[in-house]
Amino acid sequence: MAVRVLNTNEARKHWRDVVDLTHEGKGDVVIERYHKPLVVVIPFEDYEAIQEELDDLRAGRLAMAELEEWRRDPSTATPYEEFRAELVAEGLLSE
């Protein structure tokens, strides 16, 4: 499948073509700003098929950022007892 790369200005000017191209399954479109990829336009059914994997990927990226923050400054961590109390208060963990 073809991948088309457009800068943000081109994508804005040809938005309907971008939508039609992806909707018809003729390719995906990468949209760049200053020669750096920002987003990809894909058919909705493809998004639905990979949504769970995307959620896992994003959660992993967030967890790694939090781990790096903790490594830089361990004082940013929440003590276990406080964290556990929050989970119990929110009904996410039983006492």
C-alpha atoms as a PDB file:
ATOM      1  CA  MET A   1       0.000   0.000   0.000  1.00  0.00           C
ATOM      2  CA  ALA A   2       1.280   3.443  -0.882  1.00  0.00           C
ATOM      3  CA  VAL A   3       2.164   5.968   1.791  1.00  0.00           C
ATOM      4  CA  ARG A   4       1.855   9.579   0.798  1.00  0.00           C
ATOM      5  CA  VAL A   5       3.743  12.272   2.726  1.00  0.00           C
ATOM      6  CA  LEU A   6       2.401  15.824   2.856  1.00  0.00           C
ATOM      7  CA  ASN A   7       3.392  18.861   4.847  1.00  0.00           C
ATOM      8  CA  THR A   8       0.700  20.525   6.937  1.00  0.00           C
ATOM      9  CA  ASN A   9       0.039  23.219   4.337  1.00  0.00           C
ATOM     10  CA  GLU A  10      -0.449  20.666   1.535  1.00  0.00           C
ATOM     11  CA  ALA A  11      -2.670  18.543   3.758  1.00  0.00           C
ATOM     12  CA  ARG A  12      -4.804  21.563   4.615  1.00  0.00           C
ATOM     13  CA  LYS A  13      -5.171  22.547   0.953  1.00  0.00           C
ATOM     14  CA  HIS A  14      -5.996  18.986  -0.148  1.00  0.00           C
ATOM     15  CA  TRP A  15      -7.818  17.716   2.930  1.00  0.00           C
ATOM     16  CA  ARG A  16     -10.701  16.201   0.986  1.00  0.00           C
ATOM     17  CA  ASP A  17      -8.213  14.287  -1.203  1.00  0.00           C
ATOM     18  CA  VAL A  18      -6.416  13.052   1.934  1.00  0.00           C
ATOM     19  CA  VAL A  19      -9.684  11.775   3.387  1.00  0.00           C
ATOM     20  CA  ASP A  20     -10.817  10.194   0.115  1.00  0.00           C
ATOM     21  CA  LEU A  21      -7.447   8.512  -0.493  1.00  0.00           C
ATOM     22  CA  THR A  22      -7.390   6.874   2.922  1.00  0.00           C
ATOM     23  CA  HIS A  23     -11.098   6.073   3.023  1.00  0.00           C
ATOM     24  CA  GLU A  24     -10.897   4.273  -0.319  1.00  0.00           C
ATOM     25  CA  GLY A  25      -7.982   2.177   0.941  1.00  0.00           C
ATOM     26  CA  LYS A  26      -5.569   3.583  -1.630  1.00  0.00           C
ATOM     27  CA  GLY A  27      -2.940   4.501   0.944  1.00  0.00           C
ATOM     28  CA  ASP A  28      -2.142   6.124   4.222  1.00  0.00           C
ATOM     29  CA  VAL A  29      -1.060   9.748   4.555  1.00  0.00           C
ATOM     30  CA  VAL A  30       1.756  10.979   6.796  1.00  0.00           C
ATOM     31  CA  ILE A  31       1.493  14.660   7.641  1.00  0.00           C
ATOM     32  CA  GLU A  32       4.732  16.459   8.461  1.00  0.00           C
ATOM     33  CA  ARG A  33       5.668  19.805   9.940  1.00  0.00           C
ATOM     34  CA  TYR A  34       9.163  21.113   9.244  1.00  0.00           C
ATOM     35  CA  HIS A  35      10.073  17.720   7.724  1.00  0.00           C
ATOM     36  CA  LYS A  36       9.137  15.839  10.909  1.00  0.00           C
ATOM     37  CA  PRO A  37       6.237  13.357  10.859  1.00  0.00           C
ATOM     38  CA  LEU A  38       3.391  14.455  13.151  1.00  0.00           C
ATOM     39  CA  VAL A  39       0.371  12.295  12.390  1.00  0.00           C
ATOM     40  CA  VAL A  40      -0.863   9.572  10.075  1.00  0.00           C
ATOM     41  CA  VAL A  41      -4.307   9.432   8.500  1.00  0.00           C
ATOM     42  CA  ILE A  42      -5.571   5.863   8.193  1.00  0.00           C
ATOM     43  CA  PRO A  43      -8.988   4.334   7.520  1.00  0.00           C
ATOM     44  CA  PHE A  44     -11.229   4.191  10.586  1.00  0.00           C
ATOM     45  CA  GLU A  45     -11.638   0.414  10.345  1.00  0.00           C
ATOM     46  CA  ASP A  46      -7.838   0.044  10.513  1.00  0.00           C
ATOM     47  CA  TYR A  47      -7.778   2.293  13.573  1.00  0.00           C
ATOM     48  CA  GLU A  48     -10.450   0.152  15.237  1.00  0.00           C
ATOM     49  CA  ALA A  49      -8.425  -2.980  14.489  1.00  0.00           C
ATOM     50  CA  ILE A  50      -5.294  -1.626  16.185  1.00  0.00           C
ATOM     51  CA  GLN A  51      -6.847   0.544  18.898  1.00  0.00           C
ATOM     52  CA  GLU A  52      -5.989  -1.826  21.764  1.00  0.00           C
ATOM     53  CA  GLU A  53      -2.355  -2.064  20.641  1.00  0.00           C
ATOM     54  CA  LEU A  54      -2.216   1.740  20.370  1.00  0.00           C
ATOM     55  CA  ASP A  55      -3.558   2.074  23.909  1.00  0.00           C
ATOM     56  CA  ASP A  56      -0.884  -0.338  25.152  1.00  0.00           C
ATOM     57  CA  LEU A  57       1.844   1.521  23.266  1.00  0.00           C
ATOM     58  CA  ARG A  58       0.735   4.893  24.631  1.00  0.00           C
ATOM     59  CA  ALA A  59       0.461   3.563  28.183  1.00  0.00           C
ATOM     60  CA  GLY A  60       3.966   2.104  27.894  1.00  0.00           C
ATOM     61  CA  ARG A  61       5.330   5.422  26.615  1.00  0.00           C
ATOM     62  CA  LEU A  62       3.702   7.239  29.555  1.00  0.00           C
ATOM     63  CA  ALA A  63       5.068   4.691  32.025  1.00  0.00           C
ATOM     64  CA  MET A  64       8.587   5.073  30.607  1.00  0.00           C
ATOM     65  CA  ALA A  65       8.360   8.863  30.928  1.00  0.00           C
ATOM     66  CA  GLU A  66       7.277   8.502  34.556  1.00  0.00           C
ATOM     67  CA  LEU A  67      10.111   6.044  35.230  1.00  0.00           C
ATOM     68  CA  GLU A  68      12.650   8.448  33.710  1.00  0.00           C
ATOM     69  CA  GLU A  69      11.266  11.278  35.851  1.00  0.00           C
ATOM     70  CA  TRP A  70      11.607   9.115  38.948  1.00  0.00           C
ATOM     71  CA  ARG A  71      15.187   8.186  37.987  1.00  0.00           C
ATOM     72  CA  ARG A  72      16.045  11.893  37.662  1.00  0.00           C
ATOM     73  CA  ASP A  73      14.365  12.739  40.972  1.00  0.00           C
ATOM     74  CA  PRO A  74      13.196   9.883  43.222  1.00  0.00           C
ATOM     75  CA  SER A  75      11.418  12.373  45.480  1.00  0.00           C
ATOM     76  CA  THR A  76       8.690  12.684  42.818  1.00  0.00           C
ATOM     77  CA  ALA A  77       7.410   9.226  43.748  1.00  0.00           C
ATOM     78  CA  THR A  78       4.256   8.783  45.808  1.00  0.00           C
ATOM     79  CA  PRO A  79       4.804   6.633  48.919  1.00  0.00           C
ATOM     80  CA  TYR A  80       3.170   3.204  48.602  1.00  0.00           C
ATOM     81  CA  GLU A  81       0.844   3.728  51.561  1.00  0.00           C
ATOM     82  CA  GLU A  82      -0.494   6.969  50.056  1.00  0.00           C
ATOM     83  CA  PHE A  83      -0.888   5.383  46.623  1.00  0.00           C
ATOM     84  CA  ARG A  84      -2.708   2.375  48.100  1.00  0.00           C
ATOM     85  CA  ALA A  85      -5.040   4.653  50.087  1.00  0.00           C
ATOM     86  CA  GLU A  86      -5.928   6.526  46.879  1.00  0.00           C
ATOM     87  CA  LEU A  87      -6.781   3.252  45.118  1.00  0.00           C
ATOM     88  CA  VAL A  88      -8.955   2.130  48.031  1.00  0.00           C
ATOM     89  CA  ALA A  89     -10.706   5.551  48.149  1.00  0.00           C
ATOM     90  CA  GLU A  90     -11.446   5.319  44.412  1.00  0.00           C
ATOM     91  CA  GLY A  91     -12.843   1.800  44.818  1.00  0.00           C
ATOM     92  CA  LEU A  92     -10.103   0.304  42.628  1.00  0.00           C
ATOM     93  CA  LEU A  93      -8.659  -1.809  45.435  1.00  0.00           C
ATOM     94  CA  SER A  94     -10.279  -3.465  48.412  1.00  0.00           C
ATOM     95  CA  GLU A  95      -8.899  -3.033  51.895  1.00  0.00           C
END
